[in-house]
N, C-alpha and C. Protein backbone atom coordinates (compact mmCIF):
# COMPACT_ATOMS: atom_id res chain seq x y z
N MET A 1 104.09 89.86 108.73
CA MET A 1 103.89 91.03 107.91
C MET A 1 102.72 90.79 106.96
N ILE A 2 101.98 91.82 106.72
CA ILE A 2 100.83 91.74 105.83
C ILE A 2 101.30 91.95 104.40
N SER A 3 100.89 91.08 103.50
CA SER A 3 101.24 91.23 102.09
C SER A 3 100.34 92.27 101.44
N ILE A 4 100.91 93.04 100.56
CA ILE A 4 100.16 94.05 99.83
C ILE A 4 100.28 93.70 98.36
N TYR A 5 99.18 93.25 97.76
CA TYR A 5 99.19 92.83 96.37
C TYR A 5 98.56 93.91 95.50
N LEU A 6 99.22 94.25 94.43
CA LEU A 6 98.68 95.18 93.46
C LEU A 6 98.24 94.39 92.24
N SER A 7 97.11 94.75 91.70
CA SER A 7 96.56 94.05 90.54
C SER A 7 95.72 95.03 89.74
N PRO A 8 95.22 94.63 88.58
CA PRO A 8 94.35 95.54 87.82
C PRO A 8 93.14 96.01 88.63
N SER A 9 92.62 95.16 89.50
CA SER A 9 91.48 95.57 90.32
C SER A 9 91.91 96.37 91.55
N ASN A 10 93.18 96.33 91.90
CA ASN A 10 93.72 97.08 93.03
C ASN A 10 95.05 97.72 92.59
N PRO A 11 94.99 98.77 91.74
CA PRO A 11 96.21 99.32 91.16
C PRO A 11 97.06 100.15 92.12
N ARG A 12 96.47 100.54 93.23
CA ARG A 12 97.19 101.37 94.20
C ARG A 12 97.03 100.80 95.59
N TRP A 13 98.05 100.99 96.37
CA TRP A 13 97.95 100.58 97.76
C TRP A 13 97.21 101.67 98.53
N THR A 14 96.17 101.26 99.23
CA THR A 14 95.44 102.15 100.12
C THR A 14 95.25 101.40 101.43
N PRO A 15 95.78 101.93 102.52
CA PRO A 15 95.66 101.21 103.79
C PRO A 15 94.21 101.13 104.23
N LYS A 16 93.83 99.97 104.71
CA LYS A 16 92.48 99.76 105.22
C LYS A 16 92.45 99.76 106.74
N THR A 17 93.58 99.38 107.34
CA THR A 17 93.67 99.30 108.80
C THR A 17 95.01 99.86 109.26
N GLU A 18 95.12 100.07 110.56
CA GLU A 18 96.39 100.53 111.12
C GLU A 18 97.47 99.47 110.92
N ALA A 19 97.07 98.20 110.94
CA ALA A 19 98.04 97.12 110.69
C ALA A 19 98.61 97.22 109.28
N ASP A 20 97.77 97.57 108.29
CA ASP A 20 98.25 97.77 106.92
C ASP A 20 99.31 98.87 106.88
N LEU A 21 99.02 99.95 107.59
CA LEU A 21 99.94 101.10 107.61
C LEU A 21 101.25 100.72 108.29
N LYS A 22 101.17 100.04 109.42
CA LYS A 22 102.39 99.62 110.14
C LYS A 22 103.24 98.69 109.28
N ALA A 23 102.59 97.76 108.58
CA ALA A 23 103.32 96.83 107.73
C ALA A 23 104.01 97.56 106.59
N ALA A 24 103.34 98.55 106.02
CA ALA A 24 103.94 99.31 104.93
C ALA A 24 105.12 100.14 105.41
N ILE A 25 105.02 100.71 106.61
CA ILE A 25 106.13 101.48 107.18
C ILE A 25 107.31 100.55 107.42
N THR A 26 107.05 99.42 108.08
CA THR A 26 108.11 98.46 108.40
C THR A 26 108.77 97.92 107.13
N GLY A 27 107.96 97.66 106.11
CA GLY A 27 108.48 97.10 104.86
C GLY A 27 109.08 98.14 103.92
N GLY A 28 109.02 99.42 104.30
CA GLY A 28 109.57 100.46 103.44
C GLY A 28 108.79 100.62 102.14
N LEU A 29 107.47 100.38 102.19
CA LEU A 29 106.66 100.38 100.99
C LEU A 29 105.98 101.73 100.71
N ILE A 30 106.12 102.68 101.61
CA ILE A 30 105.45 103.96 101.42
C ILE A 30 106.32 104.89 100.59
N GLU A 31 105.70 105.47 99.58
CA GLU A 31 106.39 106.40 98.69
C GLU A 31 105.37 107.45 98.25
N GLU A 32 105.73 108.72 98.40
CA GLU A 32 104.81 109.76 97.96
C GLU A 32 104.75 109.79 96.44
N LYS A 33 103.53 109.86 95.93
CA LYS A 33 103.28 109.91 94.49
C LYS A 33 102.15 110.90 94.25
N HIS A 34 101.73 111.05 93.01
CA HIS A 34 100.68 112.02 92.73
C HIS A 34 99.34 111.61 93.34
N TYR A 35 99.21 110.37 93.78
CA TYR A 35 97.97 109.91 94.38
C TYR A 35 98.14 109.53 95.85
N PHE A 36 99.31 109.79 96.44
CA PHE A 36 99.53 109.48 97.85
C PHE A 36 100.39 110.57 98.47
N ASP A 37 99.95 111.09 99.60
CA ASP A 37 100.71 112.11 100.31
C ASP A 37 100.65 111.82 101.80
N ALA A 38 101.74 112.02 102.48
CA ALA A 38 101.81 111.83 103.92
C ALA A 38 102.21 113.15 104.56
N LYS A 39 101.56 113.47 105.65
CA LYS A 39 101.84 114.70 106.39
C LYS A 39 102.12 114.34 107.84
N GLU A 40 103.10 115.01 108.41
CA GLU A 40 103.37 114.79 109.82
C GLU A 40 102.25 115.38 110.68
N MET A 41 101.79 116.56 110.27
CA MET A 41 100.67 117.20 110.95
C MET A 41 99.92 118.06 109.95
N LEU A 42 98.72 118.45 110.30
CA LEU A 42 97.96 119.32 109.42
C LEU A 42 98.66 120.67 109.32
N ALA A 43 98.52 121.30 108.20
CA ALA A 43 99.19 122.56 107.93
C ALA A 43 98.69 123.66 108.87
N THR A 44 99.58 124.57 109.15
CA THR A 44 99.19 125.75 109.90
C THR A 44 98.48 126.69 108.94
N LYS A 45 97.88 127.72 109.45
CA LYS A 45 97.12 128.65 108.59
C LYS A 45 97.98 129.20 107.47
N GLY A 46 99.25 129.46 107.71
CA GLY A 46 100.15 129.98 106.69
C GLY A 46 100.47 128.97 105.60
N ASP A 47 100.28 127.69 105.88
CA ASP A 47 100.60 126.63 104.92
C ASP A 47 99.38 126.12 104.16
N ASN A 48 98.26 126.81 104.26
CA ASN A 48 97.03 126.34 103.63
C ASN A 48 97.15 126.20 102.12
N LYS A 49 97.93 127.05 101.47
CA LYS A 49 98.08 126.95 100.02
C LYS A 49 98.73 125.63 99.63
N GLU A 50 99.73 125.22 100.37
CA GLU A 50 100.39 123.94 100.07
C GLU A 50 99.42 122.78 100.28
N LEU A 51 98.66 122.82 101.35
CA LEU A 51 97.68 121.77 101.61
C LEU A 51 96.63 121.73 100.50
N ALA A 52 96.18 122.91 100.06
CA ALA A 52 95.20 122.98 98.97
C ALA A 52 95.77 122.39 97.69
N ARG A 53 97.03 122.66 97.38
CA ARG A 53 97.67 122.08 96.18
C ARG A 53 97.73 120.56 96.30
N ASP A 54 98.11 120.09 97.48
CA ASP A 54 98.21 118.64 97.68
C ASP A 54 96.86 117.97 97.49
N LEU A 55 95.82 118.54 98.05
CA LEU A 55 94.49 117.95 97.91
C LEU A 55 93.96 118.08 96.49
N ALA A 56 94.27 119.18 95.83
CA ALA A 56 93.83 119.36 94.44
C ALA A 56 94.48 118.35 93.51
N SER A 57 95.67 117.88 93.85
CA SER A 57 96.34 116.90 93.00
C SER A 57 95.57 115.58 92.95
N PHE A 58 94.68 115.36 93.90
CA PHE A 58 93.86 114.15 93.92
C PHE A 58 92.59 114.29 93.09
N ALA A 59 92.32 115.46 92.54
CA ALA A 59 91.04 115.74 91.87
C ALA A 59 90.78 114.85 90.67
N ILE A 60 91.77 114.53 89.89
CA ILE A 60 91.56 113.75 88.67
C ILE A 60 91.51 112.25 88.96
N ASP A 61 92.55 111.73 89.60
CA ASP A 61 92.67 110.29 89.81
C ASP A 61 92.30 109.82 91.21
N GLY A 62 91.95 110.74 92.09
CA GLY A 62 91.72 110.36 93.48
C GLY A 62 93.04 110.24 94.20
N GLY A 63 92.99 109.95 95.45
CA GLY A 63 94.23 109.80 96.20
C GLY A 63 93.97 109.62 97.68
N THR A 64 95.07 109.45 98.39
CA THR A 64 95.02 109.22 99.83
C THR A 64 96.03 110.13 100.50
N MET A 65 95.60 110.79 101.56
CA MET A 65 96.52 111.57 102.39
C MET A 65 96.43 111.00 103.80
N ILE A 66 97.58 110.70 104.35
CA ILE A 66 97.64 110.19 105.72
C ILE A 66 98.34 111.23 106.57
N VAL A 67 97.67 111.67 107.62
CA VAL A 67 98.25 112.62 108.56
C VAL A 67 98.76 111.83 109.75
N GLY A 68 100.00 112.11 110.14
CA GLY A 68 100.59 111.43 111.28
C GLY A 68 101.81 110.60 110.91
N LEU A 69 102.32 110.80 109.69
CA LEU A 69 103.54 110.11 109.25
C LEU A 69 104.65 111.12 109.06
N ALA A 70 105.75 110.90 109.73
CA ALA A 70 106.91 111.76 109.57
C ALA A 70 107.80 111.19 108.47
N GLU A 71 108.29 112.07 107.61
CA GLU A 71 109.14 111.64 106.49
C GLU A 71 110.59 112.00 106.78
N ASP A 72 111.47 111.03 106.59
CA ASP A 72 112.91 111.27 106.62
C ASP A 72 113.33 111.39 105.17
N LYS A 73 113.38 112.62 104.66
CA LYS A 73 113.65 112.84 103.24
C LYS A 73 115.02 112.32 102.82
N GLN A 74 116.00 112.42 103.70
CA GLN A 74 117.35 111.98 103.38
C GLN A 74 117.40 110.48 103.10
N ASN A 75 116.65 109.70 103.88
CA ASN A 75 116.66 108.24 103.72
C ASN A 75 115.44 107.71 102.97
N SER A 76 114.53 108.60 102.57
CA SER A 76 113.30 108.22 101.87
C SER A 76 112.50 107.18 102.65
N THR A 77 112.36 107.42 103.95
CA THR A 77 111.58 106.52 104.80
C THR A 77 110.54 107.31 105.57
N PHE A 78 109.57 106.60 106.11
CA PHE A 78 108.50 107.20 106.89
C PHE A 78 108.41 106.50 108.24
N SER A 79 107.91 107.22 109.22
CA SER A 79 107.66 106.64 110.53
C SER A 79 106.42 107.31 111.12
N ARG A 80 105.84 106.70 112.12
CA ARG A 80 104.70 107.34 112.76
C ARG A 80 105.18 108.58 113.49
N ALA A 81 104.46 109.69 113.32
CA ALA A 81 104.82 110.94 113.99
C ALA A 81 104.59 110.79 115.49
N ARG A 82 105.36 111.49 116.23
CA ARG A 82 105.24 111.40 117.70
C ARG A 82 104.45 112.55 118.23
């Protein structure tokens, strides 16, 4: 497993490779926050307002959105979307 260290110079986890993402999924380290959002798929035309809100939330502090992660809200876990 790949270690993910947070420090003053690296205050947020941002995946650099697919291996980073897989390790975070396996380790249960992914959590949606104001600077991180995961989407199973891109929004449909009717959902554009929600996508715009999500992206706008990154305007001040920056952020990361990963498309292709399915969220199990009941268990607070993520997996790769199929």
